Amino acid sequence: MSQTLAAVSGSLGSIGYGLAAIGPGVGVGIIFGNGTQALARQPEAAGLIRANQILGFAFCEALALIGLVMPFVYGK
């Protein structure tokens, strides 16, 4: 007697991307949270802080986009 209780079908890459999106999400939260604290402590350095925030955000989002593309590249 062999019964299948649950079957996994579809692309596991989409599940992997869902889990991989947690990292950039946390990273973006940390970047903007700490940037807000830095702006509150030193408002005269707003231009430099904002530029660094945008740069860090771009790197985090690039990692998220790479994670989105990889299941399609290495998928079946």
C-alpha atoms as a PDB file:
ATOM      1  CA  MET A   1       0.000   0.000   0.000  1.00  0.00           C
ATOM      2  CA  SER A   2       1.650   3.154  -1.207  1.00  0.00           C
ATOM      3  CA  GLN A   3      -0.210   6.405  -0.812  1.00  0.00           C
ATOM      4  CA  THR A   4       1.023   9.825  -1.718  1.00  0.00           C
ATOM      5  CA  LEU A   5       0.081  12.324   0.951  1.00  0.00           C
ATOM      6  CA  ALA A   6       1.500  15.379  -0.770  1.00  0.00           C
ATOM      7  CA  ALA A   7       3.151  15.993  -4.087  1.00  0.00           C
ATOM      8  CA  VAL A   8       5.432  18.867  -4.952  1.00  0.00           C
ATOM      9  CA  SER A   9       4.934  20.130  -8.452  1.00  0.00           C
ATOM     10  CA  GLY A  10       6.101  23.216 -10.260  1.00  0.00           C
ATOM     11  CA  SER A  11       9.371  25.049 -10.100  1.00  0.00           C
ATOM     12  CA  LEU A  12      11.277  24.909  -6.841  1.00  0.00           C
ATOM     13  CA  GLY A  13      13.217  27.917  -8.115  1.00  0.00           C
ATOM     14  CA  SER A  14      10.265  30.135  -7.298  1.00  0.00           C
ATOM     15  CA  ILE A  15      10.323  28.911  -3.707  1.00  0.00           C
ATOM     16  CA  GLY A  16      14.061  29.529  -3.619  1.00  0.00           C
ATOM     17  CA  TYR A  17      13.586  33.069  -4.878  1.00  0.00           C
ATOM     18  CA  GLY A  18      10.953  33.701  -2.263  1.00  0.00           C
ATOM     19  CA  LEU A  19      13.406  32.681   0.420  1.00  0.00           C
ATOM     20  CA  ALA A  20      16.263  34.585  -1.231  1.00  0.00           C
ATOM     21  CA  ALA A  21      14.208  37.796  -1.298  1.00  0.00           C
ATOM     22  CA  ILE A  22      14.309  37.904   2.496  1.00  0.00           C
ATOM     23  CA  GLY A  23      17.985  38.943   2.500  1.00  0.00           C
ATOM     24  CA  PRO A  24      17.697  42.034   0.285  1.00  0.00           C
ATOM     25  CA  GLY A  25      14.486  43.000   2.087  1.00  0.00           C
ATOM     26  CA  VAL A  26      16.253  42.971   5.435  1.00  0.00           C
ATOM     27  CA  GLY A  27      19.232  44.784   3.903  1.00  0.00           C
ATOM     28  CA  VAL A  28      17.098  47.599   2.512  1.00  0.00           C
ATOM     29  CA  GLY A  29      15.377  47.967   5.884  1.00  0.00           C
ATOM     30  CA  ILE A  30      18.703  48.223   7.674  1.00  0.00           C
ATOM     31  CA  ILE A  31      20.054  50.732   5.135  1.00  0.00           C
ATOM     32  CA  PHE A  32      17.124  53.130   5.399  1.00  0.00           C
ATOM     33  CA  GLY A  33      16.678  52.649   9.146  1.00  0.00           C
ATOM     34  CA  ASN A  34      20.294  53.501   9.868  1.00  0.00           C
ATOM     35  CA  GLY A  35      20.208  56.306   7.301  1.00  0.00           C
ATOM     36  CA  THR A  36      17.255  57.871   9.093  1.00  0.00           C
ATOM     37  CA  GLN A  37      19.108  57.658  12.392  1.00  0.00           C
ATOM     38  CA  ALA A  38      22.186  59.228  10.812  1.00  0.00           C
ATOM     39  CA  LEU A  39      20.103  62.076   9.371  1.00  0.00           C
ATOM     40  CA  ALA A  40      18.580  62.693  12.799  1.00  0.00           C
ATOM     41  CA  ARG A  41      22.032  62.851  14.399  1.00  0.00           C
ATOM     42  CA  GLN A  42      23.778  64.911  11.704  1.00  0.00           C
ATOM     43  CA  PRO A  43      21.344  66.809   9.485  1.00  0.00           C
ATOM     44  CA  GLU A  44      24.186  68.844   7.928  1.00  0.00           C
ATOM     45  CA  ALA A  45      25.544  65.657   6.257  1.00  0.00           C
ATOM     46  CA  ALA A  46      22.242  64.907   4.530  1.00  0.00           C
ATOM     47  CA  GLY A  47      23.684  64.888   0.989  1.00  0.00           C
ATOM     48  CA  LEU A  48      26.431  62.391   1.787  1.00  0.00           C
ATOM     49  CA  ILE A  49      24.140  60.158   3.831  1.00  0.00           C
ATOM     50  CA  ARG A  50      21.478  60.120   1.132  1.00  0.00           C
ATOM     51  CA  ALA A  51      24.042  59.291  -1.567  1.00  0.00           C
ATOM     52  CA  ASN A  52      25.329  56.365   0.490  1.00  0.00           C
ATOM     53  CA  GLN A  53      21.765  55.160   1.092  1.00  0.00           C
ATOM     54  CA  ILE A  54      21.019  55.143  -2.622  1.00  0.00           C
ATOM     55  CA  LEU A  55      24.241  53.273  -3.385  1.00  0.00           C
ATOM     56  CA  GLY A  56      23.528  50.619  -0.747  1.00  0.00           C
ATOM     57  CA  PHE A  57      19.941  50.289  -1.948  1.00  0.00           C
ATOM     58  CA  ALA A  58      21.130  49.748  -5.521  1.00  0.00           C
ATOM     59  CA  PHE A  59      23.501  46.961  -4.431  1.00  0.00           C
ATOM     60  CA  CYS A  60      20.778  45.227  -2.403  1.00  0.00           C
ATOM     61  CA  GLU A  61      18.291  45.415  -5.258  1.00  0.00           C
ATOM     62  CA  ALA A  62      20.898  44.097  -7.708  1.00  0.00           C
ATOM     63  CA  LEU A  63      21.258  41.007  -5.519  1.00  0.00           C
ATOM     64  CA  ALA A  64      17.481  40.586  -5.502  1.00  0.00           C
ATOM     65  CA  LEU A  65      17.322  40.828  -9.297  1.00  0.00           C
ATOM     66  CA  ILE A  66      20.131  38.293  -9.676  1.00  0.00           C
ATOM     67  CA  GLY A  67      18.187  35.973  -7.388  1.00  0.00           C
ATOM     68  CA  LEU A  68      15.092  36.468  -9.527  1.00  0.00           C
ATOM     69  CA  VAL A  69      16.904  35.577 -12.758  1.00  0.00           C
ATOM     70  CA  MET A  70      18.871  32.546 -11.530  1.00  0.00           C
ATOM     71  CA  PRO A  71      15.910  30.119 -11.333  1.00  0.00           C
ATOM     72  CA  PHE A  72      15.196  30.851 -14.989  1.00  0.00           C
ATOM     73  CA  VAL A  73      18.842  30.410 -15.992  1.00  0.00           C
ATOM     74  CA  TYR A  74      19.430  27.153 -14.107  1.00  0.00           C
ATOM     75  CA  GLY A  75      15.863  25.818 -14.176  1.00  0.00           C
ATOM     76  CA  LYS A  76      14.785  22.854 -16.256  1.00  0.00           C
END
